[in-house]
């Protein structure tokens, strides 16, 4: 068995964090139950709201910065902002969500992260 792929490579390609060949997703954001190549059970993966938070921060920074620049440089009417930046926001958010979720799953696997437990 080869070494696990670097987490960023697995994330960008949406591949298994262990073998780098199998698919990670069944749907757009639904994780597959296990890798179809190496059999890694994805039950350990719980990215929760992490990817959404990072998407909000990154997309908000990019789209809002661009909208402010357009406003200050050209002063277009409000409908132009809606026509440009509403679709751009949706595209940027959907474009970032899957890779960031995949990246968080790959990092969980790479660092062997798991739910905390109290020892007695």
Protein backbone atom coordinates (compact mmCIF):
# COMPACT_ATOMS: atom_id res chain seq x y z
CA UNK A 1 0.00 0.00 0.00
CA UNK A 2 1.31 3.43 -0.87
CA UNK A 3 1.57 6.36 1.52
CA UNK A 4 -1.60 8.41 2.02
CA UNK A 5 -1.90 11.38 -0.33
CA UNK A 6 -1.26 14.83 1.02
CA UNK A 7 -4.58 16.18 2.44
CA UNK A 8 -4.79 19.08 -0.01
CA UNK A 9 -4.45 16.77 -3.03
CA UNK A 10 -7.16 14.44 -1.74
CA UNK A 11 -9.40 17.42 -0.94
CA UNK A 12 -9.09 19.11 -4.31
CA UNK A 13 -9.86 15.89 -6.14
CA UNK A 14 -12.60 14.69 -3.75
CA UNK A 15 -10.77 11.41 -3.24
CA UNK A 16 -10.27 9.02 -0.35
CA UNK A 17 -7.82 10.40 2.24
CA UNK A 18 -6.15 6.99 2.66
CA UNK A 19 -5.60 5.69 -0.88
CA UNK A 20 -6.21 8.82 -2.97
CA UNK A 21 -8.11 6.82 -5.62
CA UNK A 22 -11.61 6.09 -4.32
CA UNK A 23 -14.37 8.66 -4.35
CA UNK A 24 -15.23 10.47 -1.14
CA UNK A 25 -18.70 11.72 -2.07
CA UNK A 26 -21.89 9.97 -3.12
CA UNK A 27 -23.70 13.20 -3.94
CA UNK A 28 -22.74 16.85 -3.98
CA UNK A 29 -22.03 16.97 -0.24
CA UNK A 30 -23.06 13.50 0.94
CA UNK A 31 -20.12 11.35 1.98
CA UNK A 32 -20.00 7.82 0.66
CA UNK A 33 -20.27 5.15 3.39
CA UNK A 34 -16.80 3.81 2.51
CA UNK A 35 -14.07 4.08 -0.10
CA UNK A 36 -14.86 2.02 -3.19
CA UNK A 37 -11.16 1.20 -3.67
CA UNK A 38 -9.53 0.57 -0.29
CA UNK A 39 -12.65 0.09 1.86
CA UNK A 40 -11.91 2.88 4.37
CA UNK A 41 -15.04 3.45 6.45
CA UNK A 42 -15.89 7.15 6.42
CA UNK A 43 -17.78 6.85 9.71
CA UNK A 44 -14.95 8.73 11.44
CA UNK A 45 -15.55 11.80 9.29
CA UNK A 46 -17.64 14.52 10.90
CA UNK A 47 -16.84 17.90 9.46
CA UNK A 48 -19.97 19.42 11.08
CA UNK A 49 -20.31 23.15 10.33
CA UNK A 50 -16.60 23.76 9.79
CA UNK A 51 -16.68 23.92 5.98
CA UNK A 52 -19.70 26.25 6.01
CA UNK A 53 -17.98 28.64 8.42
CA UNK A 54 -14.87 28.82 6.25
CA UNK A 55 -16.99 29.29 3.12
CA UNK A 56 -18.86 32.16 4.75
CA UNK A 57 -15.62 33.83 5.79
CA UNK A 58 -13.83 33.37 2.47
CA UNK A 59 -16.77 34.08 0.18
CA UNK A 60 -17.86 37.03 2.29
CA UNK A 61 -14.40 38.53 2.16
CA UNK A 62 -14.02 38.03 -1.59
CA UNK A 63 -17.50 39.01 -2.76
CA UNK A 64 -17.95 41.89 -0.33
CA UNK A 65 -14.51 43.25 -1.16
CA UNK A 66 -15.29 43.11 -4.86
CA UNK A 67 -18.73 44.69 -4.34
CA UNK A 68 -17.22 47.54 -2.32
CA UNK A 69 -14.56 48.13 -4.97
CA UNK A 70 -17.21 48.23 -7.73
CA UNK A 71 -19.34 50.61 -5.67
CA UNK A 72 -16.48 52.99 -4.98
CA UNK A 73 -15.06 52.86 -8.49
CA UNK A 74 -18.24 52.95 -10.62
CA UNK A 75 -21.22 53.75 -8.33
CA UNK A 76 -23.65 51.50 -10.24
CA UNK A 77 -27.36 51.30 -9.35
CA UNK A 78 -28.45 48.76 -6.76
CA UNK A 79 -29.94 46.35 -9.32
CA UNK A 80 -26.49 45.99 -10.94
CA UNK A 81 -25.08 44.86 -7.60
CA UNK A 82 -27.90 42.32 -7.31
CA UNK A 83 -27.43 41.10 -10.87
CA UNK A 84 -23.69 40.63 -10.45
CA UNK A 85 -23.03 39.76 -6.84
CA UNK A 86 -26.00 37.57 -5.92
CA UNK A 87 -25.14 34.92 -8.55
CA UNK A 88 -21.43 35.38 -7.80
CA UNK A 89 -22.07 34.69 -4.11
CA UNK A 90 -23.95 31.48 -4.91
CA UNK A 91 -21.26 30.32 -7.33
CA UNK A 92 -18.40 31.05 -4.94
CA UNK A 93 -20.16 29.40 -1.98
CA UNK A 94 -21.08 26.25 -3.88
CA UNK A 95 -17.66 26.13 -5.50
CA UNK A 96 -15.83 26.25 -2.17
CA UNK A 97 -18.10 24.06 -0.05
CA UNK A 98 -17.24 20.63 -1.46
CA UNK A 99 -13.44 21.08 -1.53
CA UNK A 100 -13.43 22.52 2.00
CA UNK A 101 -15.54 19.64 3.31
CA UNK A 102 -13.23 17.19 1.60
CA UNK A 103 -10.22 19.01 3.04
CA UNK A 104 -11.58 18.80 6.59
CA UNK A 105 -12.27 15.06 6.21
CA UNK A 106 -8.75 14.54 4.83
CA UNK A 107 -7.26 16.47 7.76
CA UNK A 108 -9.31 14.43 10.23
CA UNK A 109 -7.89 11.26 8.72
CA UNK A 110 -4.35 12.61 8.42
CA UNK A 111 -4.20 13.74 12.07
CA UNK A 112 -6.28 10.82 13.39
CA UNK A 113 -8.76 13.28 14.93
CA UNK A 114 -11.66 11.79 16.82
CA UNK A 115 -14.27 12.77 19.33
CA UNK A 116 -12.88 13.56 22.77
CA UNK A 117 -13.39 11.03 25.55
CA UNK A 118 -13.00 11.28 29.30
CA UNK A 119 -10.69 8.68 30.80
CA UNK A 120 -11.60 7.16 34.15
